[in-house]
PDB file of N, CA and C in Angstrom:
ATOM      1  N   UNK A   1      -4.790  -9.685  19.598  1.00  0.00           N
ATOM      2  CA  UNK A   1      -4.872  -8.830  18.971  1.00  0.00           C
ATOM      3  C   UNK A   1      -4.708  -8.950  17.573  1.00  0.00           C
ATOM      4  N   UNK A   2      -3.363  -9.571  17.527  1.00  0.00           N
ATOM      5  CA  UNK A   2      -2.816  -9.743  16.348  1.00  0.00           C
ATOM      6  C   UNK A   2      -3.812 -11.011  15.285  1.00  0.00           C
ATOM      7  N   UNK A   3      -4.318 -11.623  15.929  1.00  0.00           N
ATOM      8  CA  UNK A   3      -5.048 -12.623  15.266  1.00  0.00           C
ATOM      9  C   UNK A   3      -6.143 -11.714  14.459  1.00  0.00           C
ATOM     10  N   UNK A   4      -6.994 -10.603  15.405  1.00  0.00           N
ATOM     11  CA  UNK A   4      -7.982  -9.988  15.379  1.00  0.00           C
ATOM     12  C   UNK A   4      -7.986  -9.119  13.846  1.00  0.00           C
ATOM     13  N   UNK A   5      -6.570  -9.068  13.754  1.00  0.00           N
ATOM     14  CA  UNK A   5      -6.307  -7.852  12.552  1.00  0.00           C
ATOM     15  C   UNK A   5      -5.113  -8.304  11.283  1.00  0.00           C
ATOM     16  N   UNK A   6      -5.699  -9.640  11.837  1.00  0.00           N
ATOM     17  CA  UNK A   6      -4.908 -10.566  10.688  1.00  0.00           C
ATOM     18  C   UNK A   6      -4.758 -10.059   9.075  1.00  0.00           C
ATOM     19  N   UNK A   7      -4.380 -10.231   8.406  1.00  0.00           N
ATOM     20  CA  UNK A   7      -5.355 -10.474   6.679  1.00  0.00           C
ATOM     21  C   UNK A   7      -4.689  -9.508   5.769  1.00  0.00           C
ATOM     22  N   UNK A   8      -4.612  -9.470   4.734  1.00  0.00           N
ATOM     23  CA  UNK A   8      -4.478  -8.731   3.843  1.00  0.00           C
ATOM     24  C   UNK A   8      -5.551  -7.698   3.650  1.00  0.00           C
ATOM     25  N   UNK A   9      -5.172  -6.127   3.237  1.00  0.00           N
ATOM     26  CA  UNK A   9      -6.393  -5.359   3.537  1.00  0.00           C
ATOM     27  C   UNK A   9      -7.076  -5.078   4.243  1.00  0.00           C
ATOM     28  N   UNK A  10      -6.588  -5.290   5.477  1.00  0.00           N
ATOM     29  CA  UNK A  10      -7.886  -5.369   6.767  1.00  0.00           C
ATOM     30  C   UNK A  10      -7.531  -3.745   7.683  1.00  0.00           C
ATOM     31  N   UNK A  11      -9.002  -3.221   7.271  1.00  0.00           N
ATOM     32  CA  UNK A  11      -9.040  -2.288   7.916  1.00  0.00           C
ATOM     33  C   UNK A  11      -9.917  -2.019   8.514  1.00  0.00           C
ATOM     34  N   UNK A  12     -10.067  -2.648   9.803  1.00  0.00           N
ATOM     35  CA  UNK A  12     -11.264  -2.013  10.916  1.00  0.00           C
ATOM     36  C   UNK A  12     -11.936  -1.127  11.864  1.00  0.00           C
ATOM     37  N   UNK A  13     -12.813  -0.670  12.150  1.00  0.00           N
ATOM     38  CA  UNK A  13     -12.936  -0.116  12.984  1.00  0.00           C
ATOM     39  C   UNK A  13     -12.733  -0.551  14.087  1.00  0.00           C
ATOM     40  N   UNK A  14     -12.791  -0.052  15.199  1.00  0.00           N
ATOM     41  CA  UNK A  14     -12.336  -0.440  16.808  1.00  0.00           C
ATOM     42  C   UNK A  14     -13.885  -1.239  17.244  1.00  0.00           C
ATOM     43  N   UNK A  15     -15.056  -1.223  16.602  1.00  0.00           N
ATOM     44  CA  UNK A  15     -16.464  -2.151  17.051  1.00  0.00           C
ATOM     45  C   UNK A  15     -16.087  -3.086  16.569  1.00  0.00           C
ATOM     46  N   UNK A  16     -15.476  -3.098  15.211  1.00  0.00           N
ATOM     47  CA  UNK A  16     -15.340  -4.676  14.355  1.00  0.00           C
ATOM     48  C   UNK A  16     -14.345  -5.257  14.901  1.00  0.00           C
ATOM     49  N   UNK A  17     -13.173  -4.885  15.646  1.00  0.00           N
ATOM     50  CA  UNK A  17     -11.983  -5.280  16.202  1.00  0.00           C
ATOM     51  C   UNK A  17     -12.904  -5.743  17.448  1.00  0.00           C
ATOM     52  N   UNK A  18     -13.217  -4.927  18.469  1.00  0.00           N
ATOM     53  CA  UNK A  18     -14.053  -5.345  19.497  1.00  0.00           C
ATOM     54  C   UNK A  18     -15.182  -6.677  19.287  1.00  0.00           C
ATOM     55  N   UNK A  19     -15.876  -7.100  18.367  1.00  0.00           N
ATOM     56  CA  UNK A  19     -16.777  -7.956  17.783  1.00  0.00           C
ATOM     57  C   UNK A  19     -15.829  -9.288  17.752  1.00  0.00           C
ATOM     58  N   UNK A  20     -14.857  -8.821  17.169  1.00  0.00           N
ATOM     59  CA  UNK A  20     -13.730 -10.016  16.451  1.00  0.00           C
ATOM     60  C   UNK A  20     -13.230 -10.753  18.258  1.00  0.00           C
ATOM     61  N   UNK A  21     -12.611  -9.497  18.650  1.00  0.00           N
ATOM     62  CA  UNK A  21     -11.783  -9.766  19.656  1.00  0.00           C
ATOM     63  C   UNK A  21     -12.992 -11.186  20.706  1.00  0.00           C
ATOM     64  N   UNK A  22     -14.220 -10.500  20.825  1.00  0.00           N
ATOM     65  CA  UNK A  22     -15.435 -11.054  21.686  1.00  0.00           C
ATOM     66  C   UNK A  22     -15.048 -12.307  21.526  1.00  0.00           C
ATOM     67  N   UNK A  23     -14.879 -13.124  19.969  1.00  0.00           N
ATOM     68  CA  UNK A  23     -14.962 -14.293  19.520  1.00  0.00           C
ATOM     69  C   UNK A  23     -13.674 -15.434  20.279  1.00  0.00           C
ATOM     70  N   UNK A  24     -13.107 -14.633  20.516  1.00  0.00           N
ATOM     71  CA  UNK A  24     -11.595 -15.381  21.598  1.00  0.00           C
ATOM     72  C   UNK A  24     -11.577 -15.278  22.809  1.00  0.00           C
ATOM     73  N   UNK A  25     -12.125 -13.837  23.035  1.00  0.00           N
ATOM     74  CA  UNK A  25     -11.802 -13.341  24.609  1.00  0.00           C
ATOM     75  C   UNK A  25     -13.035 -12.778  24.979  1.00  0.00           C
ATOM     76  N   UNK A  26     -14.778 -13.769  25.363  1.00  0.00           N
ATOM     77  CA  UNK A  26     -15.872 -12.882  24.876  1.00  0.00           C
ATOM     78  C   UNK A  26     -16.222 -11.738  26.229  1.00  0.00           C
ATOM     79  N   UNK A  27     -14.921 -11.265  27.200  1.00  0.00           N
ATOM     80  CA  UNK A  27     -15.197 -10.906  28.363  1.00  0.00           C
ATOM     81  C   UNK A  27     -14.214  -9.629  27.737  1.00  0.00           C
ATOM     82  N   UNK A  28     -13.758  -9.105  27.213  1.00  0.00           N
ATOM     83  CA  UNK A  28     -13.008  -8.114  26.638  1.00  0.00           C
ATOM     84  C   UNK A  28     -13.907  -6.910  26.264  1.00  0.00           C
ATOM     85  N   UNK A  29     -13.611  -5.978  26.968  1.00  0.00           N
ATOM     86  CA  UNK A  29     -14.720  -4.812  27.445  1.00  0.00           C
ATOM     87  C   UNK A  29     -14.251  -4.067  25.856  1.00  0.00           C
ATOM     88  N   UNK A  30     -15.216  -2.815  25.221  1.00  0.00           N
ATOM     89  CA  UNK A  30     -14.513  -2.113  24.201  1.00  0.00           C
ATOM     90  C   UNK A  30     -13.585  -0.808  24.292  1.00  0.00           C
ATOM     91  N   UNK A  31     -13.470  -0.327  25.855  1.00  0.00           N
ATOM     92  CA  UNK A  31     -12.270   0.533  26.705  1.00  0.00           C
ATOM     93  C   UNK A  31     -11.028  -0.326  26.397  1.00  0.00           C
ATOM     94  N   UNK A  32     -11.040  -1.526  26.324  1.00  0.00           N
ATOM     95  CA  UNK A  32     -10.226  -2.641  26.474  1.00  0.00           C
ATOM     96  C   UNK A  32      -9.222  -2.271  24.964  1.00  0.00           C
ATOM     97  N   UNK A  33     -10.029  -2.772  23.561  1.00  0.00           N
ATOM     98  CA  UNK A  33      -9.758  -2.671  22.175  1.00  0.00           C
ATOM     99  C   UNK A  33      -9.189  -1.226  22.144  1.00  0.00           C
ATOM    100  N   UNK A  34     -10.139  -0.073  23.143  1.00  0.00           N
ATOM    101  CA  UNK A  34      -9.416   1.544  22.003  1.00  0.00           C
ATOM    102  C   UNK A  34      -8.339   1.208  22.826  1.00  0.00           C
ATOM    103  N   UNK A  35      -8.185   0.944  24.063  1.00  0.00           N
ATOM    104  CA  UNK A  35      -6.352   1.533  24.592  1.00  0.00           C
ATOM    105  C   UNK A  35      -6.055   0.330  24.287  1.00  0.00           C
ATOM    106  N   UNK A  36      -5.763  -0.652  23.865  1.00  0.00           N
ATOM    107  CA  UNK A  36      -4.737  -1.776  23.303  1.00  0.00           C
ATOM    108  C   UNK A  36      -4.817  -1.225  21.554  1.00  0.00           C
ATOM    109  N   UNK A  37      -5.745  -0.513  20.896  1.00  0.00           N
ATOM    110  CA  UNK A  37      -5.683  -0.014  19.746  1.00  0.00           C
ATOM    111  C   UNK A  37      -4.786   1.646  19.784  1.00  0.00           C
ATOM    112  N   UNK A  38      -4.930   2.025  20.142  1.00  0.00           N
ATOM    113  CA  UNK A  38      -4.331   3.373  21.164  1.00  0.00           C
ATOM    114  C   UNK A  38      -2.868   2.937  21.545  1.00  0.00           C
ATOM    115  N   UNK A  39      -2.382   2.138  21.212  1.00  0.00           N
ATOM    116  CA  UNK A  39      -0.837   1.669  22.134  1.00  0.00           C
ATOM    117  C   UNK A  39      -0.483   0.976  21.136  1.00  0.00           C
ATOM    118  N   UNK A  40      -0.864   0.049  20.397  1.00  0.00           N
ATOM    119  CA  UNK A  40      -0.329  -0.360  18.944  1.00  0.00           C
ATOM    120  C   UNK A  40       0.103   0.814  18.115  1.00  0.00           C
ATOM    121  N   UNK A  41      -0.660   1.553  18.067  1.00  0.00           N
ATOM    122  CA  UNK A  41      -0.720   2.810  17.386  1.00  0.00           C
ATOM    123  C   UNK A  41       0.554   3.989  17.456  1.00  0.00           C
ATOM    124  N   UNK A  42       0.820   4.436  18.670  1.00  0.00           N
ATOM    125  CA  UNK A  42       1.438   4.590  19.371  1.00  0.00           C
ATOM    126  C   UNK A  42       2.934   3.949  19.268  1.00  0.00           C
ATOM    127  N   UNK A  43       3.178   2.667  19.323  1.00  0.00           N
ATOM    128  CA  UNK A  43       4.174   1.714  19.119  1.00  0.00           C
ATOM    129  C   UNK A  43       4.833   1.959  17.580  1.00  0.00           C
ATOM    130  N   UNK A  44       3.829   2.137  16.594  1.00  0.00           N
ATOM    131  CA  UNK A  44       4.116   1.756  15.537  1.00  0.00           C
ATOM    132  C   UNK A  44       3.469   0.125  14.458  1.00  0.00           C
ATOM    133  N   UNK A  45       2.929  -0.338  15.231  1.00  0.00           N
ATOM    134  CA  UNK A  45       2.440  -1.656  15.025  1.00  0.00           C
ATOM    135  C   UNK A  45       1.256  -1.573  14.440  1.00  0.00           C
ATOM    136  N   UNK A  46       0.469  -0.544  14.440  1.00  0.00           N
ATOM    137  CA  UNK A  46      -0.499  -0.206  13.609  1.00  0.00           C
ATOM    138  C   UNK A  46      -1.305   0.610  13.144  1.00  0.00           C
ATOM    139  N   UNK A  47      -1.687   1.274  12.044  1.00  0.00           N
ATOM    140  CA  UNK A  47      -1.971   2.692  11.609  1.00  0.00           C
ATOM    141  C   UNK A  47      -2.991   2.723  11.775  1.00  0.00           C
ATOM    142  N   UNK A  48      -3.263   3.906  12.027  1.00  0.00           N
ATOM    143  CA  UNK A  48      -4.929   4.407  12.669  1.00  0.00           C
ATOM    144  C   UNK A  48      -5.107   4.857  11.354  1.00  0.00           C
ATOM    145  N   UNK A  49      -6.267   4.734  10.586  1.00  0.00           N
ATOM    146  CA  UNK A  49      -6.750   5.160   9.310  1.00  0.00           C
ATOM    147  C   UNK A  49      -8.053   6.826   9.227  1.00  0.00           C
ATOM    148  N   UNK A  50      -8.145   7.710   8.830  1.00  0.00           N
ATOM    149  CA  UNK A  50      -8.924   8.366   8.706  1.00  0.00           C
ATOM    150  C   UNK A  50      -9.311   8.295   7.329  1.00  0.00           C
ATOM    151  N   UNK A  51     -10.907   8.484   6.775  1.00  0.00           N
ATOM    152  CA  UNK A  51     -10.844   8.685   5.668  1.00  0.00           C
ATOM    153  C   UNK A  51     -11.968   9.990   5.285  1.00  0.00           C
ATOM    154  N   UNK A  52     -12.000  10.668   6.213  1.00  0.00           N
ATOM    155  CA  UNK A  52     -12.573  11.634   6.316  1.00  0.00           C
ATOM    156  C   UNK A  52     -14.451  11.492   6.761  1.00  0.00           C
ATOM    157  N   UNK A  53     -14.642  10.462   6.277  1.00  0.00           N
ATOM    158  CA  UNK A  53     -15.797  10.698   6.988  1.00  0.00           C
ATOM    159  C   UNK A  53     -16.384   8.893   7.921  1.00  0.00           C
ATOM    160  N   UNK A  54     -16.724   8.766   8.487  1.00  0.00           N
ATOM    161  CA  UNK A  54     -17.177   7.587   9.823  1.00  0.00           C
ATOM    162  C   UNK A  54     -15.841   7.465  10.495  1.00  0.00           C
ATOM    163  N   UNK A  55     -15.971   6.092  11.181  1.00  0.00           N
ATOM    164  CA  UNK A  55     -15.395   5.773  11.747  1.00  0.00           C
ATOM    165  C   UNK A  55     -13.653   5.689  11.601  1.00  0.00           C
ATOM    166  N   UNK A  56     -12.569   5.551  12.451  1.00  0.00           N
ATOM    167  CA  UNK A  56     -11.336   5.606  12.628  1.00  0.00           C
ATOM    168  C   UNK A  56     -10.765   4.417  11.699  1.00  0.00           C
ATOM    169  N   UNK A  57     -10.038   3.415  10.812  1.00  0.00           N
ATOM    170  CA  UNK A  57     -10.075   2.580  10.835  1.00  0.00           C
ATOM    171  C   UNK A  57      -8.549   1.602  11.423  1.00  0.00           C
ATOM    172  N   UNK A  58      -8.024   1.007  11.559  1.00  0.00           N
ATOM    173  CA  UNK A  58      -7.010   0.312  12.091  1.00  0.00           C
ATOM    174  C   UNK A  58      -6.236  -0.529  10.647  1.00  0.00           C
ATOM    175  N   UNK A  59      -4.810  -0.010  10.506  1.00  0.00           N
ATOM    176  CA  UNK A  59      -4.354  -1.395   9.397  1.00  0.00           C
ATOM    177  C   UNK A  59      -3.264  -1.682   9.960  1.00  0.00           C
ATOM    178  N   UNK A  60      -3.040  -2.870  10.311  1.00  0.00           N
ATOM    179  CA  UNK A  60      -2.072  -3.878  10.756  1.00  0.00           C
ATOM    180  C   UNK A  60      -0.355  -3.613  10.083  1.00  0.00           C
ATOM    181  N   UNK A  61      -0.742  -3.464   8.558  1.00  0.00           N
ATOM    182  CA  UNK A  61       0.257  -3.143   7.848  1.00  0.00           C
ATOM    183  C   UNK A  61       1.105  -2.005   7.776  1.00  0.00           C
ATOM    184  N   UNK A  62       1.835  -1.896   8.964  1.00  0.00           N
ATOM    185  CA  UNK A  62       2.880  -0.599   9.075  1.00  0.00           C
ATOM    186  C   UNK A  62       3.700  -0.352   8.674  1.00  0.00           C
ATOM    187  N   UNK A  63       4.390  -1.906   8.276  1.00  0.00           N
ATOM    188  CA  UNK A  63       6.067  -1.709   7.966  1.00  0.00           C
ATOM    189  C   UNK A  63       6.152  -1.529   6.389  1.00  0.00           C
ATOM    190  N   UNK A  64       5.323  -1.670   5.681  1.00  0.00           N
ATOM    191  CA  UNK A  64       5.355  -1.896   4.360  1.00  0.00           C
ATOM    192  C   UNK A  64       4.875  -0.303   3.688  1.00  0.00           C
ATOM    193  N   UNK A  65       5.341   0.349   3.081  1.00  0.00           N
ATOM    194  CA  UNK A  65       4.483   2.150   3.026  1.00  0.00           C
ATOM    195  C   UNK A  65       3.845   1.984   1.641  1.00  0.00           C
ATOM    196  N   UNK A  66       2.552   2.286   1.827  1.00  0.00           N
ATOM    197  CA  UNK A  66       1.520   2.728   1.041  1.00  0.00           C
ATOM    198  C   UNK A  66       0.701   3.640   1.096  1.00  0.00           C
ATOM    199  N   UNK A  67      -0.930   3.494   0.451  1.00  0.00           N
ATOM    200  CA  UNK A  67      -1.429   4.421   0.841  1.00  0.00           C
ATOM    201  C   UNK A  67      -3.008   3.674   0.455  1.00  0.00           C
ATOM    202  N   UNK A  68      -4.103   4.513   0.610  1.00  0.00           N
ATOM    203  CA  UNK A  68      -5.170   3.867   0.468  1.00  0.00           C
ATOM    204  C   UNK A  68      -6.149   4.090  -0.406  1.00  0.00           C
ATOM    205  N   UNK A  69      -7.110   3.563  -0.784  1.00  0.00           N
ATOM    206  CA  UNK A  69      -7.894   3.877  -1.797  1.00  0.00           C
ATOM    207  C   UNK A  69      -9.288   3.327  -1.408  1.00  0.00           C
ATOM    208  N   UNK A  70     -10.144   4.726  -1.511  1.00  0.00           N
ATOM    209  CA  UNK A  70     -11.505   4.159  -0.768  1.00  0.00           C
ATOM    210  C   UNK A  70     -12.840   4.684  -0.917  1.00  0.00           C
ATOM    211  N   UNK A  71     -13.612   3.288  -0.845  1.00  0.00           N
ATOM    212  CA  UNK A  71     -14.821   3.637  -1.691  1.00  0.00           C
ATOM    213  C   UNK A  71     -15.779   4.585  -0.943  1.00  0.00           C
ATOM    214  N   UNK A  72     -16.427   5.599  -1.673  1.00  0.00           N
ATOM    215  CA  UNK A  72     -17.091   6.849  -0.992  1.00  0.00           C
ATOM    216  C   UNK A  72     -18.913   6.254  -0.960  1.00  0.00           C
ATOM    217  N   UNK A  73     -18.501   4.995  -1.705  1.00  0.00           N
ATOM    218  CA  UNK A  73     -19.864   4.297  -1.368  1.00  0.00           C
ATOM    219  C   UNK A  73     -20.325   3.153  -0.749  1.00  0.00           C
ATOM    220  N   UNK A  74     -19.116   2.621   0.113  1.00  0.00           N
ATOM    221  CA  UNK A  74     -19.340   1.276   0.660  1.00  0.00           C
ATOM    222  C   UNK A  74     -18.381   1.413   1.641  1.00  0.00           C
ATOM    223  N   UNK A  75     -17.593   2.058   1.459  1.00  0.00           N
ATOM    224  CA  UNK A  75     -16.539   2.361   2.992  1.00  0.00           C
ATOM    225  C   UNK A  75     -15.432   1.279   2.661  1.00  0.00           C
ATOM    226  N   UNK A  76     -15.239   0.602   1.478  1.00  0.00           N
ATOM    227  CA  UNK A  76     -14.296   0.047   1.417  1.00  0.00           C
ATOM    228  C   UNK A  76     -12.921   0.382   1.316  1.00  0.00           C
ATOM    229  N   UNK A  77     -11.633   0.008   1.964  1.00  0.00           N
ATOM    230  CA  UNK A  77     -10.527   0.546   1.984  1.00  0.00           C
ATOM    231  C   UNK A  77      -9.799   0.024   1.447  1.00  0.00           C
ATOM    232  N   UNK A  78      -8.360  -0.157   0.389  1.00  0.00           N
ATOM    233  CA  UNK A  78      -7.413  -0.879  -0.236  1.00  0.00           C
ATOM    234  C   UNK A  78      -6.153  -0.470   0.148  1.00  0.00           C
ATOM    235  N   UNK A  79      -5.477  -1.098   0.315  1.00  0.00           N
ATOM    236  CA  UNK A  79      -3.740  -0.715  -0.087  1.00  0.00           C
ATOM    237  C   UNK A  79      -3.388  -0.469  -1.212  1.00  0.00           C
ATOM    238  N   UNK A  80      -2.398   0.767  -1.284  1.00  0.00           N
ATOM    239  CA  UNK A  80      -2.413   0.626  -3.169  1.00  0.00           C
ATOM    240  C   UNK A  80      -0.966   1.505  -2.752  1.00  0.00           C
ATOM    241  N   UNK A  81      -0.504   1.044  -3.847  1.00  0.00           N
ATOM    242  CA  UNK A  81       0.803   1.810  -3.928  1.00  0.00           C
ATOM    243  C   UNK A  81       1.057   2.493  -4.964  1.00  0.00           C
ATOM    244  N   UNK A  82       1.066   3.703  -5.375  1.00  0.00           N
ATOM    245  CA  UNK A  82       0.529   4.502  -6.450  1.00  0.00           C
ATOM    246  C   UNK A  82       1.880   5.011  -7.265  1.00  0.00           C
ATOM    247  N   UNK A  83       2.530   5.067  -8.288  1.00  0.00           N
ATOM    248  CA  UNK A  83       3.366   5.743  -9.019  1.00  0.00           C
ATOM    249  C   UNK A  83       3.853   6.918  -8.214  1.00  0.00           C
ATOM    250  N   UNK A  84       5.506   6.920  -8.246  1.00  0.00           N
ATOM    251  CA  UNK A  84       5.893   7.757  -7.389  1.00  0.00           C
ATOM    252  C   UNK A  84       5.786   8.671  -6.665  1.00  0.00           C
ATOM    253  N   UNK A  85       4.937   8.201  -5.351  1.00  0.00           N
ATOM    254  CA  UNK A  85       4.797   8.267  -4.398  1.00  0.00           C
ATOM    255  C   UNK A  85       5.526   8.171  -3.316  1.00  0.00           C
ATOM    256  N   UNK A  86       6.702   7.150  -3.483  1.00  0.00           N
ATOM    257  CA  UNK A  86       7.810   7.249  -2.844  1.00  0.00           C
ATOM    258  C   UNK A  86       8.879   8.496  -3.278  1.00  0.00           C
ATOM    259  N   UNK A  87       8.522   9.265  -4.065  1.00  0.00           N
ATOM    260  CA  UNK A  87       9.376  10.606  -4.405  1.00  0.00           C
ATOM    261  C   UNK A  87       8.791  12.146  -3.942  1.00  0.00           C
ATOM    262  N   UNK A  88       7.720  11.914  -3.307  1.00  0.00           N
ATOM    263  CA  UNK A  88       6.699  13.123  -3.138  1.00  0.00           C
ATOM    264  C   UNK A  88       6.888  13.436  -2.053  1.00  0.00           C
ATOM    265  N   UNK A  89       7.294  14.805  -2.088  1.00  0.00           N
ATOM    266  CA  UNK A  89       7.976  15.956  -1.137  1.00  0.00           C
ATOM    267  C   UNK A  89       7.406  17.301  -1.150  1.00  0.00           C
ATOM    268  N   UNK A  90       7.114  17.661   0.284  1.00  0.00           N
ATOM    269  CA  UNK A  90       6.984  18.968   0.120  1.00  0.00           C
ATOM    270  C   UNK A  90       8.312  20.413   0.520  1.00  0.00           C
ATOM    271  N   UNK A  91       8.133  20.863  -0.714  1.00  0.00           N
ATOM    272  CA  UNK A  91       9.038  22.308  -0.885  1.00  0.00           C
ATOM    273  C   UNK A  91       8.942  22.802   1.050  1.00  0.00           C
ATOM    274  N   UNK A  92      10.445  23.207   0.818  1.00  0.00           N
ATOM    275  CA  UNK A  92      10.941  23.766   1.936  1.00  0.00           C
ATOM    276  C   UNK A  92       9.918  25.101   2.404  1.00  0.00           C
ATOM    277  N   UNK A  93       9.753  25.695   0.949  1.00  0.00           N
ATOM    278  CA  UNK A  93       8.700  26.962   0.990  1.00  0.00           C
ATOM    279  C   UNK A  93       7.345  26.825   1.738  1.00  0.00           C
ATOM    280  N   UNK A  94       6.698  25.381   1.595  1.00  0.00           N
ATOM    281  CA  UNK A  94       5.831  25.098   1.708  1.00  0.00           C
ATOM    282  C   UNK A  94       5.290  24.298   3.168  1.00  0.00           C
ATOM    283  N   UNK A  95       6.415  24.189   3.741  1.00  0.00           N
ATOM    284  CA  UNK A  95       5.992  23.321   4.714  1.00  0.00           C
ATOM    285  C   UNK A  95       5.894  24.286   6.191  1.00  0.00           C
ATOM    286  N   UNK A  96       5.913  25.517   5.884  1.00  0.00           N
ATOM    287  CA  UNK A  96       5.573  26.847   6.975  1.00  0.00           C
ATOM    288  C   UNK A  96       6.503  26.342   8.315  1.00  0.00           C
ATOM    289  N   UNK A  97       7.708  25.864   8.690  1.00  0.00           N
ATOM    290  CA  UNK A  97       8.089  25.790   9.374  1.00  0.00           C
ATOM    291  C   UNK A  97       8.073  24.214  10.015  1.00  0.00           C
ATOM    292  N   UNK A  98       7.074  23.203   9.485  1.00  0.00           N
ATOM    293  CA  UNK A  98       6.767  22.267   9.933  1.00  0.00           C
ATOM    294  C   UNK A  98       8.091  20.968   9.687  1.00  0.00           C
ATOM    295  N   UNK A  99       8.377  20.444  10.782  1.00  0.00           N
ATOM    296  CA  UNK A  99       9.286  19.099  10.334  1.00  0.00           C
ATOM    297  C   UNK A  99       7.825  17.913   9.794  1.00  0.00           C
ATOM    298  N   UNK A 100       8.186  17.681   8.346  1.00  0.00           N
ATOM    299  CA  UNK A 100       7.206  16.552   8.056  1.00  0.00           C
ATOM    300  C   UNK A 100       7.701  14.963   8.658  1.00  0.00           C
ATOM    301  N   UNK A 101       6.608  14.532   8.788  1.00  0.00           N
ATOM    302  CA  UNK A 101       6.959  13.566   9.455  1.00  0.00           C
ATOM    303  C   UNK A 101       6.216  11.829   8.470  1.00  0.00           C
ATOM    304  N   UNK A 102       5.183  12.545   7.859  1.00  0.00           N
ATOM    305  CA  UNK A 102       4.575  10.823   7.347  1.00  0.00           C
ATOM    306  C   UNK A 102       3.452  12.198   6.695  1.00  0.00           C
ATOM    307  N   UNK A 103       3.605  11.092   5.188  1.00  0.00           N
ATOM    308  CA  UNK A 103       2.376  11.410   4.415  1.00  0.00           C
ATOM    309  C   UNK A 103       1.566  10.301   4.348  1.00  0.00           C
ATOM    310  N   UNK A 104       0.047  10.640   4.270  1.00  0.00           N
ATOM    311  CA  UNK A 104      -0.977   9.591   4.169  1.00  0.00           C
ATOM    312  C   UNK A 104      -2.102  10.292   3.015  1.00  0.00           C
ATOM    313  N   UNK A 105      -1.482   9.264   1.950  1.00  0.00           N
ATOM    314  CA  UNK A 105      -3.019   9.785   0.281  1.00  0.00           C
ATOM    315  C   UNK A 105      -3.989   8.678   0.512  1.00  0.00           C
ATOM    316  N   UNK A 106      -5.388   9.553   0.504  1.00  0.00           N
ATOM    317  CA  UNK A 106      -6.633   8.961   0.235  1.00  0.00           C
ATOM    318  C   UNK A 106      -7.050   8.731  -0.964  1.00  0.00           C
ATOM    319  N   UNK A 107      -7.223   8.066  -2.116  1.00  0.00           N
ATOM    320  CA  UNK A 107      -7.336   8.161  -3.203  1.00  0.00           C
ATOM    321  C   UNK A 107      -9.114   7.457  -3.048  1.00  0.00           C
ATOM    322  N   UNK A 108     -10.219   8.603  -3.642  1.00  0.00           N
ATOM    323  CA  UNK A 108     -11.682   8.114  -3.149  1.00  0.00           C
ATOM    324  C   UNK A 108     -12.008   8.093  -4.670  1.00  0.00           C
ATOM    325  N   UNK A 109     -12.918   6.990  -4.305  1.00  0.00           N
ATOM    326  CA  UNK A 109     -13.926   6.731  -5.870  1.00  0.00           C
ATOM    327  C   UNK A 109     -14.871   5.838  -5.532  1.00  0.00           C
ATOM    328  N   UNK A 110     -15.704   4.880  -6.623  1.00  0.00           N
ATOM    329  CA  UNK A 110     -16.248   3.506  -6.037  1.00  0.00           C
ATOM    330  C   UNK A 110     -15.821   2.852  -6.648  1.00  0.00           C
ATOM    331  N   UNK A 111     -15.868   1.798  -5.911  1.00  0.00           N
ATOM    332  CA  UNK A 111     -15.641   0.094  -6.270  1.00  0.00           C
ATOM    333  C   UNK A 111     -16.385   0.070  -7.347  1.00  0.00           C
ATOM    334  N   UNK A 112     -16.136  -1.556  -7.908  1.00  0.00           N
ATOM    335  CA  UNK A 112     -17.013  -1.432  -9.101  1.00  0.00           C
ATOM    336  C   UNK A 112     -18.582  -1.929  -8.625  1.00  0.00           C
ATOM    337  N   UNK A 113     -18.408  -2.716  -7.734  1.00  0.00           N
ATOM    338  CA  UNK A 113     -20.315  -3.102  -7.125  1.00  0.00           C
ATOM    339  C   UNK A 113     -20.671  -1.945  -6.896  1.00  0.00           C
ATOM    340  N   UNK A 114     -20.131  -0.835  -6.354  1.00  0.00           N
ATOM    341  CA  UNK A 114     -20.927   0.956  -6.079  1.00  0.00           C
ATOM    342  C   UNK A 114     -21.049   1.610  -7.212  1.00  0.00           C
ATOM    343  N   UNK A 115     -20.250   1.528  -8.186  1.00  0.00           N
ATOM    344  CA  UNK A 115     -20.496   2.274  -9.750  1.00  0.00           C
ATOM    345  C   UNK A 115     -21.240   1.325 -10.532  1.00  0.00           C
ATOM    346  N   UNK A 116     -21.651   0.086 -10.524  1.00  0.00           N
ATOM    347  CA  UNK A 116     -22.489  -0.477 -10.921  1.00  0.00           C
ATOM    348  C   UNK A 116     -23.809  -0.060 -10.052  1.00  0.00           C
ATOM    349  N   UNK A 117     -24.131  -0.495  -8.743  1.00  0.00           N
ATOM    350  CA  UNK A 117     -25.515   0.260  -8.265  1.00  0.00           C
ATOM    351  C   UNK A 117     -25.771   1.484  -8.480  1.00  0.00           C
ATOM    352  N   UNK A 118     -24.559   2.559  -8.768  1.00  0.00           N
ATOM    353  CA  UNK A 118     -24.657   4.159  -8.944  1.00  0.00           C
ATOM    354  C   UNK A 118     -25.630   4.037 -10.541  1.00  0.00           C
ATOM    355  N   UNK A 119     -24.913   3.328 -10.925  1.00  0.00           N
ATOM    356  CA  UNK A 119     -25.136   3.822 -12.536  1.00  0.00           C
ATOM    357  C   UNK A 119     -27.001   2.771 -12.639  1.00  0.00           C
ATOM    358  N   UNK A 120     -27.067   1.861 -12.189  1.00  0.00           N
ATOM    359  CA  UNK A 120     -28.528   1.015 -12.075  1.00  0.00           C
ATOM    360  C   UNK A 120     -29.678   2.206 -11.892  1.00  0.00           C
ATOM    361  N   UNK A 121     -29.157   2.872 -10.543  1.00  0.00           N
ATOM    362  CA  UNK A 121     -29.975   3.584 -10.113  1.00  0.00           C
ATOM    363  C   UNK A 121     -30.385   4.859 -10.883  1.00  0.00           C
ATOM    364  N   UNK A 122     -29.335   5.355 -11.625  1.00  0.00           N
ATOM    365  CA  UNK A 122     -29.513   6.453 -12.367  1.00  0.00           C
ATOM    366  C   UNK A 122     -30.422   5.904 -13.589  1.00  0.00           C
ATOM    367  N   UNK A 123     -30.257   4.610 -13.835  1.00  0.00           N
ATOM    368  CA  UNK A 123     -31.394   4.382 -15.057  1.00  0.00           C
ATOM    369  C   UNK A 123     -32.371   4.303 -14.652  1.00  0.00           C
ATOM    370  N   UNK A 124     -32.905   3.766 -13.416  1.00  0.00           N
ATOM    371  CA  UNK A 124     -34.531   3.643 -13.799  1.00  0.00           C
ATOM    372  C   UNK A 124     -35.128   4.924 -13.241  1.00  0.00           C
TER     373      UNK A 124
END
């Protein structure tokens, strides 16, 4: 599975992981891919990313703190390190008794290609 998820800014869906894995192991099932991804998430080896629309994505960059930039047009997802995010805290009065374990920020926008396409569509 490590070979399938290797690379910079890799954020594959389970279906995409399955498709890539089949090139190496033609007999691998989608259920095996889901089970393996869930185990990797549980072990902290892979991050599960939800952008709010579409399927979950899996990010092998689980050791370097980062957030994500998501294109609402094509679904591209990039790792980002916004200024000040390492100092982001939730005041005790806003925690409602929760123990905060993690922060996941997703910036949403349009990539250059989708922005160009939207501009061209608006001009026609």
